N, C-alpha and C. Protein backbone atom coordinates (compact mmCIF):
# COMPACT_ATOMS: atom_id res chain seq x y z
N MET A 1 19.39 -8.16 -32.99
CA MET A 1 20.11 -7.00 -32.65
C MET A 1 21.08 -7.23 -32.08
N ILE A 2 22.40 -6.78 -32.45
CA ILE A 2 23.75 -7.03 -31.80
C ILE A 2 24.31 -5.86 -31.28
N SER A 3 24.62 -5.67 -30.07
CA SER A 3 25.17 -4.69 -29.20
C SER A 3 26.82 -4.68 -29.09
N LEU A 4 27.33 -3.61 -29.21
CA LEU A 4 28.77 -3.55 -29.02
C LEU A 4 29.35 -2.16 -28.60
N GLY A 5 30.23 -2.07 -28.09
CA GLY A 5 30.84 -0.77 -27.46
C GLY A 5 30.74 -0.69 -26.07
N GLU A 6 29.81 0.26 -25.41
CA GLU A 6 29.52 0.38 -24.12
C GLU A 6 28.91 -0.74 -23.48
N LYS A 7 29.04 -0.74 -22.16
CA LYS A 7 28.31 -1.81 -21.47
C LYS A 7 26.92 -1.62 -21.56
N LEU A 8 26.27 -3.04 -21.82
CA LEU A 8 24.77 -2.95 -22.11
C LEU A 8 24.12 -3.30 -20.49
N LEU A 9 23.42 -2.01 -20.02
CA LEU A 9 22.81 -2.31 -18.73
C LEU A 9 21.37 -3.02 -19.20
N PRO A 10 20.91 -3.52 -17.88
CA PRO A 10 19.68 -4.03 -18.03
C PRO A 10 18.41 -3.37 -18.74
N SER A 11 18.62 -1.89 -18.13
CA SER A 11 17.44 -1.16 -18.67
C SER A 11 17.57 -0.56 -20.12
N PHE A 12 19.02 -0.61 -20.57
CA PHE A 12 19.25 -0.51 -22.06
C PHE A 12 18.55 -1.60 -22.89
N ARG A 13 18.77 -2.91 -22.44
CA ARG A 13 18.44 -3.84 -23.24
C ARG A 13 16.91 -4.06 -23.23
N GLN A 14 16.13 -3.67 -22.20
CA GLN A 14 14.79 -3.72 -22.01
C GLN A 14 14.24 -2.78 -23.19
N THR A 15 14.92 -1.44 -23.11
CA THR A 15 14.48 -0.53 -23.91
C THR A 15 14.52 -0.71 -25.38
N ILE A 16 15.87 -1.30 -25.53
CA ILE A 16 15.95 -1.75 -27.11
C ILE A 16 15.01 -3.00 -27.64
N GLU A 17 14.96 -3.85 -26.79
CA GLU A 17 13.92 -4.96 -27.15
C GLU A 17 12.58 -4.47 -27.30
N LYS A 18 12.15 -3.45 -26.67
CA LYS A 18 10.79 -3.15 -26.63
C LYS A 18 10.79 -2.31 -27.95
N ALA A 19 11.60 -1.40 -28.22
CA ALA A 19 11.47 -0.45 -29.47
C ALA A 19 11.64 -1.13 -30.69
N PHE A 20 12.26 -2.40 -30.98
CA PHE A 20 12.60 -3.14 -31.92
C PHE A 20 11.99 -4.36 -31.98
N HIS A 21 11.26 -4.82 -31.06
CA HIS A 21 10.61 -6.17 -30.88
C HIS A 21 11.19 -7.38 -31.24
N CYS A 22 12.63 -7.20 -30.72
CA CYS A 22 13.33 -8.42 -31.07
C CYS A 22 14.41 -8.65 -29.83
N LYS A 23 15.29 -9.87 -29.78
CA LYS A 23 16.09 -10.06 -28.82
C LYS A 23 17.43 -9.33 -29.15
N VAL A 24 18.13 -8.83 -27.84
CA VAL A 24 19.47 -8.24 -28.11
C VAL A 24 20.46 -9.23 -27.68
N TYR A 25 21.41 -9.30 -28.59
CA TYR A 25 22.65 -10.31 -28.07
C TYR A 25 23.81 -9.39 -28.00
N ASP A 26 24.51 -9.29 -26.89
CA ASP A 26 25.50 -8.51 -26.76
C ASP A 26 26.88 -9.12 -26.96
N THR A 27 27.70 -8.30 -27.18
CA THR A 27 29.15 -8.64 -27.25
C THR A 27 30.11 -7.88 -26.44
N TYR A 28 31.20 -8.29 -26.33
CA TYR A 28 32.22 -7.73 -25.31
C TYR A 28 33.61 -7.79 -26.02
N GLY A 29 34.18 -6.59 -26.32
CA GLY A 29 35.32 -6.24 -27.05
C GLY A 29 36.24 -5.24 -26.50
N ALA A 30 37.33 -5.02 -27.03
CA ALA A 30 38.47 -4.13 -26.61
C ALA A 30 38.73 -3.28 -28.04
N SER A 31 39.08 -2.09 -27.67
CA SER A 31 39.43 -1.24 -29.11
C SER A 31 40.84 -1.67 -29.52
N GLU A 32 41.61 -2.42 -28.63
CA GLU A 32 43.06 -2.91 -29.21
C GLU A 32 42.80 -4.12 -30.23
N GLY A 33 41.61 -4.36 -30.38
CA GLY A 33 41.22 -5.41 -31.54
C GLY A 33 40.81 -6.64 -31.11
N PHE A 34 40.64 -6.71 -30.05
CA PHE A 34 40.03 -7.94 -29.43
C PHE A 34 38.39 -8.09 -29.40
N LEU A 35 37.89 -9.23 -30.13
CA LEU A 35 36.68 -9.73 -29.90
C LEU A 35 36.67 -10.49 -28.42
N ILE A 36 36.24 -10.24 -27.45
CA ILE A 36 36.56 -10.90 -26.22
C ILE A 36 35.65 -12.15 -26.02
N ALA A 37 34.27 -11.71 -26.05
CA ALA A 37 33.02 -12.76 -25.95
C ALA A 37 31.97 -12.24 -26.48
N SER A 38 31.12 -13.24 -26.78
CA SER A 38 29.57 -12.91 -27.40
C SER A 38 28.62 -13.64 -26.77
N GLN A 39 27.42 -13.31 -26.56
CA GLN A 39 26.26 -13.90 -26.09
C GLN A 39 25.76 -14.98 -27.12
N CYS A 40 25.25 -16.30 -26.63
CA CYS A 40 24.76 -17.23 -27.43
C CYS A 40 23.28 -17.03 -27.26
N MET A 41 22.41 -18.05 -27.88
CA MET A 41 21.21 -18.01 -27.85
C MET A 41 20.53 -18.13 -26.44
N ALA A 42 21.33 -18.91 -25.69
CA ALA A 42 20.82 -19.16 -24.18
C ALA A 42 21.09 -17.90 -23.28
N GLY A 43 21.87 -16.53 -23.66
CA GLY A 43 22.17 -15.55 -23.17
C GLY A 43 23.40 -15.44 -22.43
N ASN A 44 24.13 -16.62 -22.49
CA ASN A 44 25.48 -16.67 -21.71
C ASN A 44 26.84 -16.16 -22.92
N TYR A 45 27.55 -15.51 -21.99
CA TYR A 45 28.88 -15.21 -22.78
C TYR A 45 29.84 -16.17 -22.96
N HIS A 46 30.25 -16.44 -24.47
CA HIS A 46 31.16 -17.39 -24.72
C HIS A 46 32.45 -16.49 -25.20
N VAL A 47 33.52 -17.09 -24.40
CA VAL A 47 34.92 -16.54 -24.96
C VAL A 47 35.27 -16.91 -26.25
N MET A 48 35.73 -15.99 -27.13
CA MET A 48 36.13 -16.41 -28.45
C MET A 48 37.67 -17.04 -28.36
N ASN A 49 37.74 -18.11 -27.68
CA ASN A 49 38.88 -18.94 -27.32
C ASN A 49 39.82 -19.13 -28.67
N PRO A 50 39.27 -19.24 -29.76
CA PRO A 50 40.11 -19.52 -31.18
C PRO A 50 41.17 -18.35 -31.18
N HIS A 51 40.69 -17.13 -31.03
CA HIS A 51 41.47 -15.95 -31.21
C HIS A 51 42.35 -15.44 -29.98
N LEU A 52 41.86 -15.70 -28.75
CA LEU A 52 42.75 -15.16 -27.69
C LEU A 52 42.59 -16.13 -26.60
N VAL A 53 43.41 -15.79 -25.40
CA VAL A 53 43.47 -16.33 -24.13
C VAL A 53 42.84 -15.47 -23.20
N LEU A 54 41.86 -15.82 -22.36
CA LEU A 54 41.46 -14.66 -21.50
C LEU A 54 41.94 -15.16 -20.18
N GLU A 55 42.26 -14.22 -19.28
CA GLU A 55 42.59 -14.74 -17.89
C GLU A 55 41.82 -13.67 -16.94
N ILE A 56 41.30 -14.07 -15.77
CA ILE A 56 40.72 -13.21 -15.01
C ILE A 56 41.65 -13.34 -13.55
N LEU A 57 42.16 -12.38 -13.31
CA LEU A 57 43.29 -12.46 -12.28
C LEU A 57 43.01 -11.40 -10.99
N ASP A 58 43.51 -11.94 -9.79
CA ASP A 58 43.27 -11.05 -8.52
C ASP A 58 44.39 -10.20 -8.70
N ASP A 59 44.59 -9.24 -7.59
CA ASP A 59 45.55 -8.33 -7.42
C ASP A 59 46.91 -8.82 -7.22
N LYS A 60 46.92 -10.18 -6.75
CA LYS A 60 48.31 -10.71 -6.71
C LYS A 60 48.75 -11.45 -8.12
N GLY A 61 47.71 -11.32 -9.24
CA GLY A 61 48.19 -11.99 -10.44
C GLY A 61 47.71 -13.61 -10.54
N ASN A 62 47.16 -13.95 -9.50
CA ASN A 62 46.50 -15.32 -9.68
C ASN A 62 45.33 -15.44 -10.32
N GLU A 63 44.85 -16.47 -10.93
CA GLU A 63 43.37 -16.84 -11.60
C GLU A 63 42.54 -16.92 -10.57
N VAL A 64 41.65 -16.20 -10.44
CA VAL A 64 40.37 -16.10 -9.61
C VAL A 64 39.43 -17.45 -9.69
N SER A 65 38.73 -17.65 -8.60
CA SER A 65 37.91 -18.85 -8.69
C SER A 65 36.77 -18.61 -9.27
N PRO A 66 35.76 -19.36 -9.74
CA PRO A 66 34.42 -19.22 -10.38
C PRO A 66 33.51 -18.47 -9.37
N GLY A 67 32.87 -17.53 -10.12
CA GLY A 67 32.01 -16.49 -9.11
C GLY A 67 32.75 -15.35 -8.56
N GLU A 68 34.06 -15.53 -8.72
CA GLU A 68 34.90 -14.25 -8.24
C GLU A 68 35.03 -13.17 -9.28
N THR A 69 35.24 -12.15 -8.99
CA THR A 69 35.67 -10.88 -9.94
C THR A 69 37.29 -10.72 -9.82
N GLY A 70 37.55 -10.33 -10.93
CA GLY A 70 39.07 -10.05 -11.05
C GLY A 70 39.47 -9.19 -12.39
N ARG A 71 40.70 -8.93 -12.58
CA ARG A 71 41.03 -8.05 -13.78
C ARG A 71 41.15 -8.99 -15.11
N VAL A 72 40.72 -8.22 -16.03
CA VAL A 72 40.66 -8.98 -17.47
C VAL A 72 41.80 -8.88 -18.10
N VAL A 73 42.67 -9.86 -18.25
CA VAL A 73 43.88 -10.07 -19.02
C VAL A 73 43.84 -10.80 -20.16
N LEU A 74 44.39 -10.29 -21.37
CA LEU A 74 44.12 -10.90 -22.74
C LEU A 74 45.52 -11.24 -23.42
N THR A 75 45.64 -12.40 -24.08
CA THR A 75 46.73 -12.72 -25.09
C THR A 75 46.02 -12.90 -26.37
N GLY A 76 46.40 -12.09 -27.46
CA GLY A 76 45.83 -12.47 -28.91
C GLY A 76 46.55 -13.48 -29.42
N LEU A 77 45.94 -14.18 -30.15
CA LEU A 77 46.56 -15.38 -31.07
C LEU A 77 46.57 -15.13 -32.61
N ASP A 78 45.83 -14.17 -33.01
CA ASP A 78 46.00 -14.18 -34.28
C ASP A 78 46.57 -12.64 -34.89
N ASN A 79 47.15 -11.97 -34.07
CA ASN A 79 47.94 -10.74 -34.43
C ASN A 79 49.42 -10.96 -34.46
N PHE A 80 50.01 -11.35 -35.65
CA PHE A 80 51.18 -11.65 -35.96
C PHE A 80 52.13 -10.42 -36.07
N THR A 81 51.61 -9.29 -36.35
CA THR A 81 52.37 -8.10 -36.50
C THR A 81 52.75 -7.46 -35.17
N THR A 82 51.61 -7.15 -34.24
CA THR A 82 51.95 -6.52 -32.94
C THR A 82 51.37 -7.19 -31.99
N PRO A 83 51.85 -8.49 -31.87
CA PRO A 83 50.99 -9.28 -30.59
C PRO A 83 51.03 -8.69 -29.31
N LEU A 84 49.87 -8.92 -28.56
CA LEU A 84 49.68 -8.41 -27.34
C LEU A 84 49.53 -9.62 -26.26
N ILE A 85 50.55 -9.73 -25.34
CA ILE A 85 50.83 -10.83 -24.58
C ILE A 85 50.48 -10.35 -23.13
N ARG A 86 49.50 -11.22 -22.71
CA ARG A 86 49.18 -10.97 -21.18
C ARG A 86 48.71 -9.24 -21.00
N TYR A 87 47.89 -8.79 -21.91
CA TYR A 87 47.58 -7.44 -21.96
C TYR A 87 46.45 -7.21 -20.83
N GLU A 88 46.62 -6.32 -20.21
CA GLU A 88 45.54 -5.93 -19.24
C GLU A 88 44.78 -4.55 -19.87
N VAL A 89 43.34 -4.80 -20.14
CA VAL A 89 42.56 -4.06 -20.88
C VAL A 89 41.84 -2.83 -19.67
N GLY A 90 42.10 -3.11 -18.56
CA GLY A 90 41.48 -2.32 -17.60
C GLY A 90 39.87 -2.56 -17.29
N ASP A 91 39.61 -3.64 -17.58
CA ASP A 91 38.39 -4.16 -17.23
C ASP A 91 38.16 -5.06 -16.03
N LEU A 92 36.94 -5.25 -15.57
CA LEU A 92 36.78 -6.04 -14.33
C LEU A 92 35.70 -7.11 -14.85
N ALA A 93 35.88 -8.36 -14.51
CA ALA A 93 34.83 -9.34 -15.01
C ALA A 93 34.76 -10.57 -14.01
N THR A 94 33.65 -11.13 -13.97
CA THR A 94 33.48 -12.33 -13.15
C THR A 94 33.77 -13.75 -13.76
N LYS A 95 34.52 -14.48 -13.22
CA LYS A 95 34.74 -15.81 -13.70
C LYS A 95 33.39 -16.66 -13.71
N SER A 96 32.97 -17.38 -14.72
CA SER A 96 31.63 -18.25 -14.83
C SER A 96 31.63 -19.23 -13.78
N ILE A 97 30.58 -19.66 -13.37
CA ILE A 97 30.45 -20.71 -12.18
C ILE A 97 29.97 -21.82 -13.08
N LYS A 98 29.54 -21.75 -14.46
CA LYS A 98 29.39 -22.66 -15.32
C LYS A 98 30.55 -23.20 -16.04
N SER A 99 30.45 -24.54 -16.15
CA SER A 99 31.48 -25.46 -17.10
C SER A 99 31.06 -25.60 -18.31
N SER A 100 29.65 -25.67 -18.64
CA SER A 100 29.21 -25.78 -20.14
C SER A 100 27.76 -25.19 -20.26
N CYS A 101 27.37 -24.96 -21.50
CA CYS A 101 26.24 -24.11 -21.73
C CYS A 101 25.23 -25.03 -22.43
N GLU A 102 23.84 -24.61 -22.18
CA GLU A 102 23.00 -25.45 -22.78
C GLU A 102 22.59 -25.27 -24.08
N CYS A 103 23.54 -24.05 -24.88
CA CYS A 103 23.44 -23.90 -26.26
C CYS A 103 23.92 -24.89 -27.12
N GLY A 104 25.12 -25.71 -26.37
CA GLY A 104 25.92 -26.77 -27.15
C GLY A 104 27.31 -26.22 -27.60
N LEU A 105 27.46 -25.09 -27.60
CA LEU A 105 28.78 -24.39 -27.81
C LEU A 105 29.86 -24.80 -26.91
N GLN A 106 31.00 -25.37 -27.49
CA GLN A 106 32.05 -25.80 -26.72
C GLN A 106 33.11 -24.55 -26.15
N LEU A 107 32.79 -23.38 -26.43
CA LEU A 107 33.69 -22.22 -26.20
C LEU A 107 33.64 -22.03 -24.62
N PRO A 108 34.59 -21.78 -24.13
CA PRO A 108 34.60 -21.27 -22.62
C PRO A 108 33.45 -20.30 -22.17
N LEU A 109 33.05 -20.40 -21.04
CA LEU A 109 31.81 -19.34 -20.45
C LEU A 109 32.60 -18.03 -19.89
N LEU A 110 32.33 -16.84 -19.94
CA LEU A 110 32.53 -15.83 -19.18
C LEU A 110 31.18 -15.33 -18.34
N GLY A 111 31.38 -15.07 -16.98
CA GLY A 111 30.40 -14.65 -16.09
C GLY A 111 29.90 -13.15 -16.52
N GLU A 112 29.87 -12.48 -15.43
CA GLU A 112 29.21 -10.99 -15.51
C GLU A 112 30.47 -9.96 -16.01
N ILE A 113 30.09 -9.37 -16.91
CA ILE A 113 31.13 -8.33 -17.58
C ILE A 113 30.99 -6.92 -16.46
N ILE A 114 31.62 -6.52 -15.68
CA ILE A 114 31.68 -5.49 -14.62
C ILE A 114 32.00 -4.24 -15.37
N GLY A 115 32.87 -4.05 -16.30
CA GLY A 115 33.39 -3.03 -16.96
C GLY A 115 34.51 -2.42 -16.41
N ARG A 116 34.87 -0.95 -16.85
CA ARG A 116 35.95 -0.31 -16.69
C ARG A 116 36.25 -0.26 -15.22
N GLN A 117 37.61 -0.41 -14.76
CA GLN A 117 38.08 -0.15 -13.13
C GLN A 117 37.74 0.90 -12.75
N THR A 118 37.47 1.75 -13.63
CA THR A 118 37.09 3.19 -13.00
C THR A 118 35.35 3.42 -12.97
N GLU A 119 34.68 2.54 -13.41
CA GLU A 119 33.21 2.68 -13.46
C GLU A 119 32.66 1.83 -12.17
N PHE A 120 33.31 1.79 -11.16
CA PHE A 120 32.64 1.32 -9.86
C PHE A 120 33.12 2.29 -8.73
N ILE A 121 32.44 2.29 -7.75
CA ILE A 121 32.74 2.82 -6.27
C ILE A 121 33.33 2.02 -5.49
N LEU A 122 34.55 2.26 -4.89
CA LEU A 122 35.15 1.58 -4.06
C LEU A 122 34.99 2.36 -2.70
N THR A 123 34.31 1.65 -1.65
CA THR A 123 33.80 2.24 -0.37
C THR A 123 35.19 2.34 0.51
N PRO A 124 35.26 3.25 1.51
CA PRO A 124 36.25 3.18 2.46
C PRO A 124 36.37 1.78 3.03
N GLY A 125 35.33 0.99 3.10
CA GLY A 125 35.20 -0.41 3.73
C GLY A 125 35.74 -1.22 2.84
N GLY A 126 36.08 -0.87 1.55
CA GLY A 126 36.56 -1.98 0.62
C GLY A 126 35.65 -2.69 -0.28
N LYS A 127 34.33 -2.10 -0.25
CA LYS A 127 33.37 -2.85 -0.91
C LYS A 127 33.07 -2.20 -2.42
N TYR A 128 32.89 -3.22 -3.43
CA TYR A 128 32.87 -2.64 -4.76
C TYR A 128 31.40 -2.38 -5.17
N ILE A 129 31.17 -1.11 -5.58
CA ILE A 129 29.67 -0.64 -5.98
C ILE A 129 29.61 -0.61 -7.36
N THR A 130 29.04 -1.45 -8.12
CA THR A 130 28.85 -1.49 -9.52
C THR A 130 27.93 -0.52 -10.26
N VAL A 131 27.79 -0.27 -11.49
CA VAL A 131 26.93 0.34 -12.12
C VAL A 131 25.50 -0.19 -11.97
N GLN A 132 25.48 -1.47 -11.86
CA GLN A 132 24.15 -1.99 -11.71
C GLN A 132 23.38 -1.90 -10.26
N ASN A 133 24.22 -1.62 -9.29
CA ASN A 133 23.88 -1.28 -7.95
C ASN A 133 23.28 -0.04 -7.91
N VAL A 134 24.04 1.03 -8.62
CA VAL A 134 23.55 2.33 -8.51
C VAL A 134 22.49 2.55 -9.48
N VAL A 135 22.35 1.96 -10.48
CA VAL A 135 21.10 1.96 -11.34
C VAL A 135 19.79 1.26 -10.55
N ARG A 136 19.96 0.29 -10.04
CA ARG A 136 18.90 -0.23 -9.03
C ARG A 136 18.33 0.92 -8.07
N ILE A 137 19.36 1.63 -7.54
CA ILE A 137 18.99 2.57 -6.66
C ILE A 137 18.10 3.61 -7.29
N MET A 138 18.78 4.28 -8.40
CA MET A 138 18.05 5.43 -8.96
C MET A 138 16.88 5.13 -9.56
N LYS A 139 16.71 3.87 -9.93
CA LYS A 139 15.53 3.63 -10.67
C LYS A 139 14.10 3.92 -9.62
N GLN A 140 14.42 4.07 -8.43
CA GLN A 140 13.26 4.27 -7.39
C GLN A 140 12.93 5.56 -7.37
N PHE A 141 13.86 6.68 -8.09
CA PHE A 141 13.57 7.97 -8.07
C PHE A 141 13.39 8.61 -9.54
N PRO A 142 12.17 8.24 -10.09
CA PRO A 142 11.69 8.68 -11.46
C PRO A 142 11.80 10.19 -11.58
N GLU A 143 11.85 11.08 -10.58
CA GLU A 143 11.99 12.61 -10.55
C GLU A 143 13.19 13.01 -11.02
N ILE A 144 14.37 12.01 -10.93
CA ILE A 144 15.49 12.34 -11.63
C ILE A 144 15.70 11.69 -12.97
N GLU A 145 15.89 12.52 -13.91
CA GLU A 145 15.86 12.06 -15.44
C GLU A 145 17.21 11.41 -15.85
N GLN A 146 18.26 12.16 -15.53
CA GLN A 146 19.45 11.47 -15.76
C GLN A 146 20.47 11.70 -14.72
N PHE A 147 21.41 10.99 -14.59
CA PHE A 147 22.43 11.37 -13.44
C PHE A 147 23.81 10.39 -13.81
N LYS A 148 24.79 10.91 -13.04
CA LYS A 148 25.99 10.12 -12.89
C LYS A 148 26.70 10.21 -11.61
N VAL A 149 27.46 9.51 -11.24
CA VAL A 149 28.00 9.41 -9.73
C VAL A 149 29.59 9.52 -10.00
N VAL A 150 30.06 10.53 -9.18
CA VAL A 150 31.75 10.76 -9.31
C VAL A 150 32.25 10.63 -8.16
N GLN A 151 33.25 9.91 -7.98
CA GLN A 151 33.92 9.47 -6.38
C GLN A 151 35.30 10.36 -6.77
N ASP A 152 35.37 11.30 -6.09
CA ASP A 152 36.70 12.10 -6.02
C ASP A 152 37.67 11.59 -4.99
N LYS A 153 37.23 11.06 -3.76
CA LYS A 153 37.78 10.70 -2.71
C LYS A 153 37.15 9.50 -2.21
N PRO A 154 37.87 8.43 -1.44
CA PRO A 154 37.35 7.28 -1.06
C PRO A 154 35.87 7.59 -0.19
N ASP A 155 35.98 8.57 0.56
CA ASP A 155 34.82 8.61 1.47
C ASP A 155 34.09 9.99 0.99
N PHE A 156 34.10 10.34 -0.32
CA PHE A 156 33.24 11.59 -0.99
C PHE A 156 32.71 11.25 -2.29
N ILE A 157 31.56 11.29 -2.37
CA ILE A 157 30.86 11.09 -3.68
C ILE A 157 29.92 12.14 -4.06
N ARG A 158 29.86 12.62 -5.48
CA ARG A 158 29.09 13.42 -5.98
C ARG A 158 28.09 12.84 -6.79
N LEU A 159 26.77 13.25 -6.61
CA LEU A 159 25.85 12.69 -7.44
C LEU A 159 25.20 13.94 -8.35
N ILE A 160 25.47 13.87 -9.54
CA ILE A 160 25.18 14.89 -10.46
C ILE A 160 24.02 14.48 -11.36
N TYR A 161 22.96 15.35 -11.39
CA TYR A 161 21.94 14.79 -11.97
C TYR A 161 20.99 15.90 -12.84
N ILE A 162 20.16 15.64 -13.54
CA ILE A 162 19.29 16.49 -14.23
C ILE A 162 17.72 16.04 -13.90
N PRO A 163 17.11 16.94 -13.05
CA PRO A 163 15.71 16.52 -12.76
C PRO A 163 14.76 16.64 -13.73
N ASP A 164 13.86 15.71 -13.38
CA ASP A 164 12.94 15.83 -14.53
C ASP A 164 12.01 17.00 -14.44
N ALA A 165 11.76 17.64 -15.61
CA ALA A 165 10.92 18.74 -16.00
C ALA A 165 9.78 18.91 -15.16
N ASN A 166 9.07 17.98 -14.59
CA ASN A 166 8.02 17.84 -14.18
C ASN A 166 7.96 17.70 -12.31
N ALA A 167 9.20 17.60 -12.04
CA ALA A 167 9.52 17.18 -10.66
C ALA A 167 9.38 18.35 -9.73
N GLU A 168 8.87 18.26 -8.80
CA GLU A 168 8.54 19.42 -7.67
C GLU A 168 9.53 19.43 -6.67
N ASN A 169 9.91 18.08 -6.43
CA ASN A 169 10.96 18.13 -5.13
C ASN A 169 11.79 16.88 -5.41
N ILE A 170 13.11 17.05 -4.93
CA ILE A 170 14.18 15.86 -4.84
C ILE A 170 14.33 15.55 -3.75
N ASP A 171 14.05 14.55 -3.15
CA ASP A 171 14.10 14.05 -1.95
C ASP A 171 15.55 13.48 -1.59
N GLU A 172 16.58 14.37 -1.36
CA GLU A 172 18.11 14.03 -1.49
C GLU A 172 18.32 13.05 -0.22
N SER A 173 17.44 13.43 1.00
CA SER A 173 18.00 12.69 2.12
C SER A 173 17.61 11.00 2.03
N ARG A 174 16.55 10.82 1.17
CA ARG A 174 16.00 9.52 0.93
C ARG A 174 16.91 8.71 -0.08
N ILE A 175 17.41 9.83 -1.03
CA ILE A 175 18.29 9.08 -1.92
C ILE A 175 19.66 8.62 -1.31
N LYS A 176 20.28 9.41 -0.29
CA LYS A 176 21.29 9.25 0.55
C LYS A 176 21.11 7.68 1.28
N GLU A 177 19.83 7.80 1.84
CA GLU A 177 19.48 6.71 2.79
C GLU A 177 19.52 5.41 1.92
N LYS A 178 19.22 5.37 0.68
CA LYS A 178 19.23 4.06 -0.17
C LYS A 178 20.63 3.76 -0.56
N PHE A 179 21.42 5.02 -0.56
CA PHE A 179 22.86 4.57 -0.95
C PHE A 179 23.60 3.89 -0.01
N GLU A 180 23.32 4.35 1.37
CA GLU A 180 24.11 3.78 2.71
C GLU A 180 23.57 2.24 2.90
N GLU A 181 22.15 2.05 2.49
CA GLU A 181 21.57 0.58 2.38
C GLU A 181 22.24 -0.41 1.66
N VAL A 182 22.71 0.23 0.51
CA VAL A 182 23.70 -0.75 -0.20
C VAL A 182 25.18 -0.68 0.22
N PHE A 183 25.52 0.55 0.44
CA PHE A 183 27.06 0.49 1.05
C PHE A 183 27.28 -0.19 2.35
N PHE A 184 26.24 -0.33 3.08
CA PHE A 184 26.50 -0.77 4.55
C PHE A 184 27.58 0.03 5.23
N GLU A 185 27.42 1.17 4.92
CA GLU A 185 28.34 2.29 5.81
C GLU A 185 27.78 3.52 5.41
N PRO A 186 28.08 4.80 6.35
CA PRO A 186 27.85 6.00 6.05
C PRO A 186 28.50 6.55 4.47
N VAL A 187 27.68 7.39 4.00
CA VAL A 187 28.09 7.98 2.80
C VAL A 187 28.09 9.60 2.69
N GLN A 188 29.23 10.02 2.41
CA GLN A 188 29.28 11.64 2.36
C GLN A 188 28.87 11.91 0.84
N LEU A 189 27.60 12.18 0.82
CA LEU A 189 27.18 12.37 -0.58
C LEU A 189 26.68 13.89 -0.88
N LYS A 190 27.21 14.49 -1.94
CA LYS A 190 26.99 15.67 -2.41
C LYS A 190 26.10 15.98 -3.70
N PHE A 191 25.07 16.64 -3.67
CA PHE A 191 24.06 16.53 -4.85
C PHE A 191 24.48 17.90 -5.65
N GLU A 192 24.31 17.69 -6.98
CA GLU A 192 24.57 18.65 -8.00
C GLU A 192 23.62 18.58 -8.94
N SER A 193 22.58 19.50 -8.98
CA SER A 193 21.64 19.90 -10.10
C SER A 193 22.29 20.57 -11.30
N VAL A 194 22.18 19.88 -12.52
CA VAL A 194 22.69 20.47 -13.70
C VAL A 194 21.89 20.30 -14.69
N LYS A 195 22.02 21.21 -15.82
CA LYS A 195 21.09 21.02 -17.04
C LYS A 195 21.88 20.20 -18.20
N LYS A 196 23.18 19.73 -17.98
CA LYS A 196 23.74 18.72 -19.00
C LYS A 196 24.92 18.10 -17.95
N LEU A 197 24.93 16.74 -18.32
CA LEU A 197 25.87 15.93 -17.62
C LEU A 197 27.26 15.99 -18.23
N PRO A 198 28.30 16.13 -17.37
CA PRO A 198 29.67 16.25 -17.83
C PRO A 198 30.18 14.74 -18.28
N LYS A 199 31.05 14.82 -19.25
CA LYS A 199 31.78 13.53 -19.75
C LYS A 199 32.91 13.13 -19.03
N ALA A 200 33.49 12.13 -19.03
CA ALA A 200 34.62 11.54 -18.32
C ALA A 200 35.90 12.17 -19.06
N LYS A 201 36.79 12.10 -18.55
CA LYS A 201 38.12 12.39 -19.26
C LYS A 201 38.36 11.93 -20.49
N THR A 202 37.69 10.60 -20.79
CA THR A 202 38.21 9.84 -21.94
C THR A 202 37.17 10.67 -23.27
N GLY A 203 36.29 11.29 -22.88
CA GLY A 203 35.44 11.99 -23.69
C GLY A 203 34.14 11.30 -23.83
N LYS A 204 34.04 10.04 -23.10
CA LYS A 204 32.78 9.17 -23.02
C LYS A 204 32.03 9.58 -22.03
N PHE A 205 30.60 9.01 -21.99
CA PHE A 205 29.88 9.30 -20.88
C PHE A 205 29.89 7.98 -20.01
N GLN A 206 30.08 8.13 -18.70
CA GLN A 206 30.13 7.03 -17.80
C GLN A 206 29.15 7.51 -16.48
N LEU A 207 28.43 6.25 -16.23
CA LEU A 207 27.21 6.66 -15.22
C LEU A 207 28.17 6.71 -13.99
N ILE A 208 29.24 5.94 -13.95
CA ILE A 208 30.10 6.20 -12.50
C ILE A 208 31.58 6.44 -13.04
N GLU A 209 32.11 7.47 -12.46
CA GLU A 209 33.56 7.79 -12.69
C GLU A 209 34.31 7.95 -11.26
N ARG A 210 35.23 7.11 -11.28
CA ARG A 210 36.20 6.90 -9.97
C ARG A 210 37.53 7.79 -10.31
N ASN A 211 37.70 8.70 -9.49
CA ASN A 211 39.02 9.47 -9.71
C ASN A 211 40.01 9.33 -8.58
N CYS A 212 39.96 8.19 -7.85
CA CYS A 212 40.71 8.09 -6.60
C CYS A 212 41.25 6.68 -6.68
């Protein structure tokens, strides 16, 4: 099973593998025509180096160190009509701490794919809260069937959710406590119970939507 398109969260991978009784190998690409990276048999992401140059840069335009997160910048090597040179796709990724892979492929390695820059929360204290962080919090609350988190201001977050049909009570104060444990700072959190989750401005569904 090969996945592409939206970011593959661990819970999605587990569900797919359980349903189809096979391994899932994820790919990472961009709609501008880039196949950026693909997972090998060992589960690591290899950069499609013959077709592109991948840079992971900090806010000053410098290459980040292994294990650090930065902006994904691409240069295509096989588009001779409209070449994209040092093109920023709007994603964040982590530079791999590994220099080689046990699978034997000589292609460069990519660390964690964080996702779109709008798909994380940036706290007033300057901490990045990724989709994975939020999913780990919400897995503790099965009484919420679906959810999304919207950050409209640096210090204001909305948790929009669909309650489980059998849920008798949603302990909002406990959810707020769990968020503050991850944020390491107070959270101004507003809860909104809905019947259908709204999509982002792009028309896609995002678990996290940052508008500030």
